[in-house]
Each structure stands twice: as C-alpha cells, then as structure tokens.
Amino acid sequence: MQCKYLLFVLLCLSPGFVKTMHGPNEDKKKLPELSEEGQKHLVIGASLVGACFSGDLDSVKDLEQELVKLKGKETIPEFLAVKEIVQEGLLAVIQGQRDFPEANEHRPSIIEHLVQYGADVNHVDGRGYVPLHHAQPIADTTGEMNVFQSLLYYGADPWNKGKVEFSPLECSAADALHQQDLKDAKKSS
C-alpha cells in the first residue's frame, strides 16, 4: 500500500506523538518494539488520521478496511487499537477544517465512518476536552457548522464539560458575548 500521508507517519513516530497517545502522565514510556504487522498497523493508523485531517473520504474508507483486516492478527499495544486510532481520527477531522476547507463537505461522512468503527463523540481527551470543545471555536469563527452538527447528530452532549470548567455550549455563548463586546467597542471608538 502506498502511503499518501507520509508526514503523518513521521509525526506518529516522533516522541511527542507517542507521549500524546500514551497520555500526559506516561511520557517516560517508549514506543514498544513492534513486529512487522504492528509496524504496518501503525502506518495504516497514522495514514487514517492523516486522511481524516485532510478530509479524504475515499482514503478513510480504504484505510478503515485495511485496519479491520489487521485487527486481531497479533497482540498490539493498546494505543494502536482500532478504537484509539479512530478516536484520534475524529479529532483530526475537527482540526482539519481550517487547513482543508475544500474538503469540509466530506467531514460528516468521515465522522459517520469513524463512529461506526468505535469513535466516541463524548470521549474526554488527555487534556480534559470533548470533541465539541475542539469543534466549537472553529464553528464560531468560520461559521462552518457541518462537523459540529454531525457530532450532535451522533450523540455529542453540548453540556458535557469533560474535565474542564465550561461545556462547549457555555464556551460558545461566552465567545458570542465577547464578539458582541468587540463590535460595541469598535462602534463607540
């Protein structure tokens, strides 16, 4: 299989990504030795995250099938489990909206595929945020609502604070008030 997302593969092999995948309290762990199958799984997983980021629906579909073929062939580290990879893919779909706006029409379909493969739209990440926390500022600043609406459609709770002080809905309201204050200040000056 040709790797279209080599940059993501290299990123995934970096110590920073390994720290992110293991979690903030486990940064002393090293990437375990992987068999050839494990390495292939890592490349496919990293490519899937890259395809999610860029909004490449066809590649997402193909790479999901490749992950399913490899699933269960060997014992792999927990951070390479399909569920963990699709969860990272969900975050990449959200974050890719700004860099690849031309692919935003495909993002709801990609979210649908990731949810089918086990992505949790209410998952609390290592920093305490839920996916809507990541989608909310993009929706508020760009007006691009398809990812935000897709997350809601698949059961994301707008009141879920995760492990932070405010829910995505409260953040959105605060951002709207702040934007109004900025407009009012501009008018009065």
N, C-alpha and C. Protein backbone atom coordinates (compact mmCIF):
# COMPACT_ATOMS: atom_id res chain seq x y z
N MET A 1 0.84 -1.18 0.00
CA MET A 1 0.00 0.00 0.00
C MET A 1 0.89 1.24 0.00
N GLN A 2 0.61 2.16 -0.89
CA GLN A 2 1.37 3.41 -0.95
C GLN A 2 0.89 4.32 0.17
N CYS A 3 1.79 4.96 0.88
CA CYS A 3 1.43 5.83 1.99
C CYS A 3 1.31 7.26 1.50
N LYS A 4 0.08 7.76 1.36
CA LYS A 4 -0.15 9.13 0.91
C LYS A 4 0.17 10.14 2.00
N TYR A 5 0.18 9.72 3.22
CA TYR A 5 0.29 10.65 4.33
C TYR A 5 1.57 10.41 5.12
N LEU A 6 2.69 10.39 4.39
CA LEU A 6 3.99 10.10 4.99
C LEU A 6 4.32 11.06 6.13
N LEU A 7 3.95 12.33 5.99
CA LEU A 7 4.22 13.31 7.03
C LEU A 7 3.56 12.89 8.34
N PHE A 8 2.33 12.38 8.27
CA PHE A 8 1.66 11.94 9.49
C PHE A 8 2.34 10.71 10.07
N VAL A 9 2.81 9.84 9.21
CA VAL A 9 3.52 8.65 9.71
C VAL A 9 4.76 9.09 10.47
N LEU A 10 5.52 10.01 9.89
CA LEU A 10 6.72 10.50 10.57
C LEU A 10 6.35 11.20 11.87
N LEU A 11 5.28 11.97 11.86
CA LEU A 11 4.80 12.63 13.07
C LEU A 11 4.46 11.59 14.14
N CYS A 12 3.80 10.52 13.72
CA CYS A 12 3.39 9.49 14.67
C CYS A 12 4.57 8.76 15.28
N LEU A 13 5.67 8.74 14.59
CA LEU A 13 6.85 8.08 15.12
C LEU A 13 7.66 9.00 16.03
N SER A 14 7.28 10.28 16.09
CA SER A 14 8.02 11.23 16.92
C SER A 14 7.69 11.02 18.39
N PRO A 15 8.62 11.34 19.28
CA PRO A 15 8.38 11.16 20.72
C PRO A 15 7.18 11.95 21.23
N GLY A 16 6.92 13.13 20.67
CA GLY A 16 5.78 13.93 21.10
C GLY A 16 4.46 13.24 20.85
N PHE A 17 4.33 12.58 19.69
CA PHE A 17 3.09 11.88 19.38
C PHE A 17 2.92 10.67 20.28
N VAL A 18 4.02 9.96 20.52
CA VAL A 18 3.95 8.81 21.42
C VAL A 18 3.48 9.26 22.80
N LYS A 19 3.98 10.40 23.27
CA LYS A 19 3.55 10.95 24.56
C LYS A 19 2.05 11.24 24.53
N THR A 20 1.57 11.84 23.43
CA THR A 20 0.16 12.15 23.30
C THR A 20 -0.68 10.88 23.32
N MET A 21 -0.24 9.87 22.58
CA MET A 21 -1.00 8.63 22.51
C MET A 21 -1.01 7.90 23.84
N HIS A 22 0.08 7.97 24.59
CA HIS A 22 0.14 7.29 25.87
C HIS A 22 -0.56 8.07 26.96
N GLY A 23 -0.64 9.37 26.85
CA GLY A 23 -1.26 10.21 27.87
C GLY A 23 -0.21 11.04 28.59
N PRO A 24 -0.66 12.12 29.23
CA PRO A 24 0.29 13.07 29.82
C PRO A 24 1.09 12.52 30.99
N ASN A 25 0.59 11.52 31.69
CA ASN A 25 1.29 11.00 32.86
C ASN A 25 2.21 9.84 32.53
N GLU A 26 2.28 9.48 31.29
CA GLU A 26 3.07 8.30 30.91
C GLU A 26 4.17 8.65 29.93
N ASP A 27 4.70 9.88 30.00
CA ASP A 27 5.65 10.32 29.00
C ASP A 27 7.00 9.60 29.08
N LYS A 28 7.27 8.87 30.11
CA LYS A 28 8.54 8.16 30.23
C LYS A 28 8.55 6.85 29.43
N LYS A 29 7.37 6.40 29.01
CA LYS A 29 7.31 5.15 28.25
C LYS A 29 7.89 5.36 26.86
N LYS A 30 8.47 4.32 26.35
CA LYS A 30 8.99 4.36 24.99
C LYS A 30 8.08 3.54 24.10
N LEU A 31 8.14 3.84 22.82
CA LEU A 31 7.38 3.07 21.85
C LEU A 31 7.86 1.63 21.91
N PRO A 32 6.96 0.69 22.14
CA PRO A 32 7.39 -0.70 22.23
C PRO A 32 7.90 -1.21 20.89
N GLU A 33 8.73 -2.23 20.95
CA GLU A 33 9.19 -2.87 19.73
C GLU A 33 7.97 -3.46 19.04
N LEU A 34 7.85 -3.19 17.75
CA LEU A 34 6.70 -3.68 17.00
C LEU A 34 7.16 -4.69 15.96
N SER A 35 6.36 -5.73 15.80
CA SER A 35 6.61 -6.70 14.73
C SER A 35 6.30 -6.02 13.40
N GLU A 36 6.52 -6.73 12.33
CA GLU A 36 6.21 -6.19 11.01
C GLU A 36 4.71 -5.86 10.90
N GLU A 37 3.87 -6.74 11.43
CA GLU A 37 2.42 -6.48 11.42
C GLU A 37 2.08 -5.24 12.25
N GLY A 38 2.73 -5.10 13.40
CA GLY A 38 2.50 -3.93 14.25
C GLY A 38 2.92 -2.64 13.57
N GLN A 39 4.05 -2.69 12.87
CA GLN A 39 4.52 -1.51 12.13
C GLN A 39 3.55 -1.15 11.01
N LYS A 40 3.04 -2.17 10.34
CA LYS A 40 2.06 -1.94 9.27
C LYS A 40 0.80 -1.31 9.86
N HIS A 41 0.38 -1.80 11.01
CA HIS A 41 -0.79 -1.26 11.70
C HIS A 41 -0.57 0.21 12.05
N LEU A 42 0.63 0.54 12.53
CA LEU A 42 0.96 1.92 12.88
C LEU A 42 0.90 2.82 11.64
N VAL A 43 1.45 2.37 10.53
CA VAL A 43 1.44 3.16 9.30
C VAL A 43 0.01 3.37 8.81
N ILE A 44 -0.80 2.32 8.83
CA ILE A 44 -2.19 2.44 8.40
C ILE A 44 -2.95 3.38 9.33
N GLY A 45 -2.73 3.24 10.63
CA GLY A 45 -3.40 4.12 11.59
C GLY A 45 -3.01 5.57 11.40
N ALA A 46 -1.73 5.83 11.22
CA ALA A 46 -1.26 7.20 11.00
C ALA A 46 -1.81 7.74 9.69
N SER A 47 -1.88 6.90 8.67
CA SER A 47 -2.43 7.33 7.38
C SER A 47 -3.91 7.64 7.52
N LEU A 48 -4.63 6.85 8.32
CA LEU A 48 -6.05 7.12 8.55
C LEU A 48 -6.23 8.47 9.22
N VAL A 49 -5.43 8.77 10.22
CA VAL A 49 -5.52 10.06 10.90
C VAL A 49 -5.23 11.19 9.90
N GLY A 50 -4.22 11.00 9.05
CA GLY A 50 -3.91 12.00 8.04
C GLY A 50 -5.05 12.19 7.04
N ALA A 51 -5.67 11.10 6.63
CA ALA A 51 -6.81 11.20 5.70
C ALA A 51 -7.98 11.91 6.36
N CYS A 52 -8.20 11.66 7.64
CA CYS A 52 -9.26 12.35 8.37
C CYS A 52 -8.99 13.84 8.43
N PHE A 53 -7.74 14.20 8.72
CA PHE A 53 -7.35 15.60 8.83
C PHE A 53 -7.60 16.33 7.51
N SER A 54 -7.24 15.70 6.40
CA SER A 54 -7.36 16.37 5.10
C SER A 54 -8.76 16.22 4.49
N GLY A 55 -9.62 15.41 5.13
CA GLY A 55 -10.98 15.25 4.62
C GLY A 55 -11.08 14.34 3.41
N ASP A 56 -10.17 13.40 3.28
CA ASP A 56 -10.12 12.48 2.13
C ASP A 56 -10.98 11.25 2.42
N LEU A 57 -12.26 11.35 2.08
CA LEU A 57 -13.24 10.31 2.39
C LEU A 57 -12.88 8.96 1.78
N ASP A 58 -12.46 8.93 0.53
CA ASP A 58 -12.13 7.65 -0.11
C ASP A 58 -10.99 6.94 0.60
N SER A 59 -9.96 7.69 0.97
CA SER A 59 -8.84 7.08 1.69
C SER A 59 -9.26 6.59 3.07
N VAL A 60 -10.15 7.36 3.74
CA VAL A 60 -10.64 6.92 5.05
C VAL A 60 -11.32 5.57 4.93
N LYS A 61 -12.18 5.43 3.93
CA LYS A 61 -12.88 4.15 3.73
C LYS A 61 -11.89 3.01 3.48
N ASP A 62 -10.92 3.25 2.58
CA ASP A 62 -9.93 2.21 2.26
C ASP A 62 -9.09 1.83 3.48
N LEU A 63 -8.64 2.84 4.21
CA LEU A 63 -7.76 2.58 5.36
C LEU A 63 -8.50 1.90 6.50
N GLU A 64 -9.78 2.21 6.68
CA GLU A 64 -10.56 1.51 7.70
C GLU A 64 -10.62 0.02 7.38
N GLN A 65 -10.80 -0.30 6.10
CA GLN A 65 -10.84 -1.70 5.69
C GLN A 65 -9.50 -2.38 5.96
N GLU A 66 -8.41 -1.67 5.72
CA GLU A 66 -7.08 -2.23 6.00
C GLU A 66 -6.90 -2.49 7.49
N LEU A 67 -7.38 -1.57 8.33
CA LEU A 67 -7.26 -1.77 9.78
C LEU A 67 -8.06 -2.99 10.22
N VAL A 68 -9.25 -3.16 9.65
CA VAL A 68 -10.08 -4.31 10.01
C VAL A 68 -9.40 -5.61 9.63
N LYS A 69 -8.72 -5.63 8.48
CA LYS A 69 -8.00 -6.84 8.06
C LYS A 69 -6.90 -7.20 9.06
N LEU A 70 -6.23 -6.19 9.59
CA LEU A 70 -5.13 -6.44 10.53
C LEU A 70 -5.61 -6.74 11.94
N LYS A 71 -6.81 -6.28 12.28
CA LYS A 71 -7.32 -6.42 13.64
C LYS A 71 -7.32 -7.89 14.07
N GLY A 72 -6.73 -8.13 15.20
CA GLY A 72 -6.74 -9.48 15.77
C GLY A 72 -5.66 -10.40 15.23
N LYS A 73 -4.84 -9.95 14.28
CA LYS A 73 -3.78 -10.81 13.76
C LYS A 73 -2.66 -11.01 14.77
N GLU A 74 -2.50 -10.03 15.63
CA GLU A 74 -1.48 -10.14 16.66
C GLU A 74 -1.87 -9.25 17.83
N THR A 75 -1.24 -9.44 18.93
CA THR A 75 -1.47 -8.55 20.05
C THR A 75 -0.66 -7.29 19.81
N ILE A 76 -1.36 -6.18 19.80
CA ILE A 76 -0.68 -4.90 19.57
C ILE A 76 -0.83 -4.04 20.81
N PRO A 77 0.05 -3.06 20.99
CA PRO A 77 -0.08 -2.17 22.15
C PRO A 77 -1.44 -1.48 22.14
N GLU A 78 -1.96 -1.21 23.32
CA GLU A 78 -3.31 -0.64 23.45
C GLU A 78 -3.46 0.67 22.68
N PHE A 79 -2.40 1.50 22.65
CA PHE A 79 -2.54 2.78 21.97
C PHE A 79 -2.66 2.64 20.46
N LEU A 80 -2.41 1.44 19.92
CA LEU A 80 -2.60 1.20 18.50
C LEU A 80 -3.92 0.50 18.19
N ALA A 81 -4.74 0.29 19.20
CA ALA A 81 -6.02 -0.38 18.99
C ALA A 81 -6.87 0.46 18.03
N VAL A 82 -7.72 -0.21 17.27
CA VAL A 82 -8.55 0.47 16.28
C VAL A 82 -9.36 1.58 16.94
N LYS A 83 -9.92 1.32 18.12
CA LYS A 83 -10.72 2.34 18.80
C LYS A 83 -9.90 3.59 19.09
N GLU A 84 -8.66 3.41 19.51
CA GLU A 84 -7.80 4.57 19.79
C GLU A 84 -7.46 5.32 18.51
N ILE A 85 -7.23 4.60 17.44
CA ILE A 85 -6.89 5.24 16.17
C ILE A 85 -8.07 6.03 15.63
N VAL A 86 -9.28 5.45 15.66
CA VAL A 86 -10.43 6.19 15.14
C VAL A 86 -10.76 7.39 16.04
N GLN A 87 -10.44 7.30 17.33
CA GLN A 87 -10.65 8.46 18.21
C GLN A 87 -9.71 9.59 17.81
N GLU A 88 -8.46 9.26 17.51
CA GLU A 88 -7.52 10.27 17.01
C GLU A 88 -7.99 10.81 15.66
N GLY A 89 -8.57 9.93 14.84
CA GLY A 89 -9.11 10.36 13.55
C GLY A 89 -10.22 11.36 13.71
N LEU A 90 -11.08 11.16 14.72
CA LEU A 90 -12.19 12.09 14.97
C LEU A 90 -11.65 13.48 15.29
N LEU A 91 -10.65 13.55 16.12
CA LEU A 91 -10.04 14.84 16.44
C LEU A 91 -9.39 15.46 15.20
N ALA A 92 -8.79 14.64 14.36
CA ALA A 92 -8.17 15.15 13.13
C ALA A 92 -9.21 15.71 12.17
N VAL A 93 -10.38 15.07 12.09
CA VAL A 93 -11.46 15.58 11.24
C VAL A 93 -11.82 17.00 11.67
N ILE A 94 -11.94 17.19 12.97
CA ILE A 94 -12.31 18.50 13.52
C ILE A 94 -11.22 19.53 13.23
N GLN A 95 -9.99 19.17 13.53
CA GLN A 95 -8.89 20.13 13.39
C GLN A 95 -8.53 20.43 11.94
N GLY A 96 -8.85 19.54 11.03
CA GLY A 96 -8.51 19.74 9.63
C GLY A 96 -9.40 20.74 8.91
N GLN A 97 -10.48 21.16 9.56
CA GLN A 97 -11.42 22.07 8.90
C GLN A 97 -10.78 23.38 8.45
N ARG A 98 -9.88 23.90 9.27
CA ARG A 98 -9.24 25.18 8.93
C ARG A 98 -8.22 25.02 7.80
N ASP A 99 -7.48 23.93 7.80
CA ASP A 99 -6.41 23.75 6.83
C ASP A 99 -6.90 23.21 5.48
N PHE A 100 -7.99 22.48 5.49
CA PHE A 100 -8.52 21.88 4.26
C PHE A 100 -10.02 22.18 4.13
N PRO A 101 -10.39 23.46 4.04
CA PRO A 101 -11.82 23.80 3.99
C PRO A 101 -12.52 23.24 2.74
N GLU A 102 -11.76 23.02 1.68
CA GLU A 102 -12.36 22.48 0.45
C GLU A 102 -12.91 21.07 0.65
N ALA A 103 -12.50 20.40 1.70
CA ALA A 103 -12.96 19.02 1.95
C ALA A 103 -14.03 18.97 3.04
N ASN A 104 -14.50 20.11 3.51
CA ASN A 104 -15.45 20.11 4.63
C ASN A 104 -16.75 19.39 4.31
N GLU A 105 -17.14 19.34 3.05
CA GLU A 105 -18.38 18.63 2.69
C GLU A 105 -18.28 17.13 2.99
N HIS A 106 -17.05 16.58 3.03
CA HIS A 106 -16.86 15.15 3.29
C HIS A 106 -16.78 14.81 4.78
N ARG A 107 -16.57 15.80 5.60
CA ARG A 107 -16.33 15.55 7.03
C ARG A 107 -17.49 14.85 7.74
N PRO A 108 -18.77 15.21 7.48
CA PRO A 108 -19.84 14.45 8.15
C PRO A 108 -19.82 12.96 7.81
N SER A 109 -19.51 12.62 6.57
CA SER A 109 -19.42 11.20 6.18
C SER A 109 -18.26 10.51 6.87
N ILE A 110 -17.15 11.23 7.01
CA ILE A 110 -16.00 10.66 7.70
C ILE A 110 -16.35 10.42 9.17
N ILE A 111 -17.03 11.37 9.78
CA ILE A 111 -17.46 11.18 11.19
C ILE A 111 -18.36 9.97 11.30
N GLU A 112 -19.27 9.80 10.36
CA GLU A 112 -20.16 8.63 10.37
C GLU A 112 -19.34 7.34 10.35
N HIS A 113 -18.34 7.26 9.46
CA HIS A 113 -17.49 6.06 9.38
C HIS A 113 -16.73 5.84 10.69
N LEU A 114 -16.18 6.89 11.26
CA LEU A 114 -15.40 6.75 12.49
C LEU A 114 -16.29 6.28 13.65
N VAL A 115 -17.50 6.80 13.71
CA VAL A 115 -18.44 6.37 14.77
C VAL A 115 -18.77 4.90 14.59
N GLN A 116 -18.96 4.46 13.34
CA GLN A 116 -19.24 3.05 13.07
C GLN A 116 -18.09 2.15 13.53
N TYR A 117 -16.87 2.68 13.50
CA TYR A 117 -15.70 1.92 13.92
C TYR A 117 -15.33 2.15 15.38
N GLY A 118 -16.19 2.83 16.12
CA GLY A 118 -15.99 2.93 17.56
C GLY A 118 -15.58 4.27 18.12
N ALA A 119 -15.50 5.31 17.30
CA ALA A 119 -15.16 6.64 17.84
C ALA A 119 -16.28 7.09 18.77
N ASP A 120 -15.91 7.66 19.88
CA ASP A 120 -16.86 8.13 20.89
C ASP A 120 -16.94 9.65 20.81
N VAL A 121 -18.12 10.17 20.45
CA VAL A 121 -18.28 11.62 20.29
C VAL A 121 -18.30 12.36 21.62
N ASN A 122 -18.30 11.63 22.74
CA ASN A 122 -18.25 12.25 24.06
C ASN A 122 -16.96 11.89 24.81
N HIS A 123 -15.98 11.38 24.09
CA HIS A 123 -14.70 10.97 24.68
C HIS A 123 -13.97 12.18 25.29
N VAL A 124 -13.47 12.02 26.49
CA VAL A 124 -12.69 13.07 27.14
C VAL A 124 -11.22 12.79 26.84
N ASP A 125 -10.56 13.74 26.16
CA ASP A 125 -9.16 13.53 25.78
C ASP A 125 -8.22 13.78 26.95
N GLY A 126 -6.95 13.62 26.72
CA GLY A 126 -5.93 13.75 27.77
C GLY A 126 -5.88 15.14 28.39
N ARG A 127 -6.38 16.14 27.69
CA ARG A 127 -6.39 17.50 28.24
C ARG A 127 -7.72 17.84 28.91
N GLY A 128 -8.67 16.90 28.87
CA GLY A 128 -9.96 17.11 29.54
C GLY A 128 -11.07 17.61 28.64
N TYR A 129 -10.81 17.71 27.35
CA TYR A 129 -11.80 18.24 26.41
C TYR A 129 -12.56 17.12 25.70
N VAL A 130 -13.80 17.41 25.33
CA VAL A 130 -14.60 16.51 24.49
C VAL A 130 -14.53 17.03 23.06
N PRO A 131 -14.87 16.21 22.05
CA PRO A 131 -14.77 16.67 20.66
C PRO A 131 -15.48 18.00 20.37
N LEU A 132 -16.62 18.23 21.01
CA LEU A 132 -17.31 19.51 20.76
C LEU A 132 -16.50 20.71 21.24
N HIS A 133 -15.68 20.53 22.27
CA HIS A 133 -14.80 21.62 22.70
C HIS A 133 -13.86 22.02 21.56
N HIS A 134 -13.40 21.04 20.80
CA HIS A 134 -12.49 21.32 19.68
C HIS A 134 -13.24 21.89 18.48
N ALA A 135 -14.47 21.44 18.27
CA ALA A 135 -15.25 21.89 17.11
C ALA A 135 -15.87 23.27 17.33
N GLN A 136 -16.19 23.62 18.55
CA GLN A 136 -16.91 24.86 18.84
C GLN A 136 -16.19 26.12 18.38
N PRO A 137 -14.91 26.31 18.69
CA PRO A 137 -14.28 27.56 18.23
C PRO A 137 -14.17 27.66 16.72
N ILE A 138 -14.02 26.53 16.05
CA ILE A 138 -13.94 26.55 14.59
C ILE A 138 -15.30 26.93 14.02
N ALA A 139 -16.36 26.35 14.58
CA ALA A 139 -17.71 26.69 14.12
C ALA A 139 -18.01 28.16 14.38
N ASP A 140 -17.61 28.66 15.54
CA ASP A 140 -17.88 30.06 15.89
C ASP A 140 -17.10 31.04 15.02
N THR A 141 -15.85 30.71 14.70
CA THR A 141 -15.03 31.67 13.94
C THR A 141 -15.20 31.56 12.43
N THR A 142 -15.48 30.36 11.93
CA THR A 142 -15.59 30.19 10.48
C THR A 142 -17.03 30.11 10.00
N GLY A 143 -17.95 29.83 10.91
CA GLY A 143 -19.34 29.62 10.50
C GLY A 143 -19.57 28.25 9.91
N GLU A 144 -18.54 27.42 9.87
CA GLU A 144 -18.63 26.06 9.31
C GLU A 144 -19.25 25.15 10.36
N MET A 145 -20.49 24.77 10.15
CA MET A 145 -21.24 24.05 11.18
C MET A 145 -21.40 22.55 10.91
N ASN A 146 -20.98 22.04 9.75
CA ASN A 146 -21.29 20.64 9.43
C ASN A 146 -20.65 19.64 10.39
N VAL A 147 -19.43 19.88 10.86
CA VAL A 147 -18.80 18.96 11.81
C VAL A 147 -19.50 19.06 13.16
N PHE A 148 -19.75 20.27 13.61
CA PHE A 148 -20.43 20.48 14.89
C PHE A 148 -21.80 19.79 14.88
N GLN A 149 -22.55 19.98 13.81
CA GLN A 149 -23.87 19.36 13.69
C GLN A 149 -23.78 17.84 13.62
N SER A 150 -22.76 17.33 12.92
CA SER A 150 -22.58 15.88 12.83
C SER A 150 -22.29 15.27 14.19
N LEU A 151 -21.45 15.94 14.96
CA LEU A 151 -21.15 15.44 16.31
C LEU A 151 -22.42 15.40 17.15
N LEU A 152 -23.23 16.46 17.06
CA LEU A 152 -24.50 16.48 17.79
C LEU A 152 -25.42 15.35 17.31
N TYR A 153 -25.47 15.14 16.01
CA TYR A 153 -26.32 14.10 15.43
C TYR A 153 -25.95 12.72 15.98
N TYR A 154 -24.66 12.48 16.15
CA TYR A 154 -24.21 11.18 16.65
C TYR A 154 -24.14 11.11 18.17
N GLY A 155 -24.74 12.08 18.84
CA GLY A 155 -24.92 11.98 20.29
C GLY A 155 -24.00 12.80 21.16
N ALA A 156 -23.22 13.70 20.58
CA ALA A 156 -22.36 14.54 21.41
C ALA A 156 -23.23 15.42 22.31
N ASP A 157 -22.85 15.51 23.56
CA ASP A 157 -23.61 16.28 24.54
C ASP A 157 -23.01 17.69 24.66
N PRO A 158 -23.77 18.73 24.24
CA PRO A 158 -23.21 20.09 24.30
C PRO A 158 -22.99 20.60 25.72
N TRP A 159 -23.56 19.92 26.71
CA TRP A 159 -23.37 20.31 28.11
C TRP A 159 -22.24 19.55 28.79
N ASN A 160 -21.64 18.59 28.08
CA ASN A 160 -20.56 17.78 28.65
C ASN A 160 -19.31 18.64 28.83
N LYS A 161 -18.92 18.86 30.07
CA LYS A 161 -17.76 19.69 30.37
C LYS A 161 -16.45 18.92 30.26
N GLY A 162 -16.54 17.61 30.13
CA GLY A 162 -15.32 16.81 30.17
C GLY A 162 -14.69 17.02 31.53
N LYS A 163 -13.44 17.43 31.55
CA LYS A 163 -12.75 17.70 32.82
C LYS A 163 -12.32 19.16 32.90
N VAL A 164 -13.01 20.02 32.16
CA VAL A 164 -12.70 21.45 32.19
C VAL A 164 -13.88 22.20 32.80
N GLU A 165 -13.71 23.48 33.00
CA GLU A 165 -14.69 24.27 33.74
C GLU A 165 -15.99 24.53 32.98
N PHE A 166 -15.91 24.65 31.65
CA PHE A 166 -17.08 25.03 30.87
C PHE A 166 -17.41 24.00 29.80
N SER A 167 -18.71 23.86 29.51
CA SER A 167 -19.17 22.98 28.44
C SER A 167 -18.96 23.69 27.09
N PRO A 168 -18.99 22.95 25.99
CA PRO A 168 -18.88 23.59 24.67
C PRO A 168 -19.97 24.64 24.44
N LEU A 169 -21.17 24.37 24.93
CA LEU A 169 -22.26 25.32 24.78
C LEU A 169 -21.98 26.61 25.55
N GLU A 170 -21.47 26.47 26.75
CA GLU A 170 -21.11 27.66 27.55
C GLU A 170 -19.97 28.43 26.88
N CYS A 171 -19.02 27.72 26.31
CA CYS A 171 -17.90 28.37 25.61
C CYS A 171 -18.42 29.15 24.40
N SER A 172 -19.36 28.57 23.68
CA SER A 172 -19.92 29.23 22.51
C SER A 172 -20.67 30.50 22.91
N ALA A 173 -21.43 30.43 23.99
CA ALA A 173 -22.16 31.61 24.47
C ALA A 173 -21.18 32.69 24.90
N ALA A 174 -20.13 32.32 25.60
CA ALA A 174 -19.13 33.29 26.06
C ALA A 174 -18.42 33.93 24.86
N ASP A 175 -18.11 33.12 23.83
CA ASP A 175 -17.47 33.66 22.64
C ASP A 175 -18.40 34.65 21.92
N ALA A 176 -19.69 34.33 21.86
CA ALA A 176 -20.65 35.22 21.21
C ALA A 176 -20.73 36.55 21.96
N LEU A 177 -20.76 36.50 23.28
CA LEU A 177 -20.80 37.73 24.08
C LEU A 177 -19.52 38.54 23.88
N HIS A 178 -18.39 37.87 23.83
CA HIS A 178 -17.12 38.55 23.62
C HIS A 178 -17.09 39.23 22.25
N GLN A 179 -17.57 38.54 21.23
CA GLN A 179 -17.61 39.12 19.88
C GLN A 179 -18.51 40.36 19.85
N GLN A 180 -19.64 40.28 20.56
CA GLN A 180 -20.55 41.43 20.62
C GLN A 180 -19.89 42.59 21.34
N ASP A 181 -19.17 42.31 22.42
CA ASP A 181 -18.44 43.37 23.14
C ASP A 181 -17.41 44.03 22.23
N LEU A 182 -16.71 43.24 21.43
CA LEU A 182 -15.73 43.79 20.50
C LEU A 182 -16.40 44.71 19.47
N LYS A 183 -17.54 44.28 18.93
CA LYS A 183 -18.26 45.10 17.97
C LYS A 183 -18.74 46.41 18.60
N ASP A 184 -19.26 46.30 19.83
CA ASP A 184 -19.72 47.50 20.53
C ASP A 184 -18.58 48.47 20.80
N ALA A 185 -17.44 47.95 21.19
CA ALA A 185 -16.26 48.79 21.46
C ALA A 185 -15.78 49.46 20.19
N LYS A 186 -15.83 48.75 19.07
CA LYS A 186 -15.40 49.31 17.79
C LYS A 186 -16.34 50.44 17.36
N LYS A 187 -17.64 50.23 17.58
CA LYS A 187 -18.63 51.26 17.20
C LYS A 187 -18.44 52.53 18.02
N SER A 188 -18.14 52.38 19.30
CA SER A 188 -18.02 53.54 20.19
C SER A 188 -16.71 54.29 20.02
N SER A 189 -15.75 53.71 19.32
CA SER A 189 -14.46 54.41 19.18
C SER A 189 -14.33 55.18 17.91
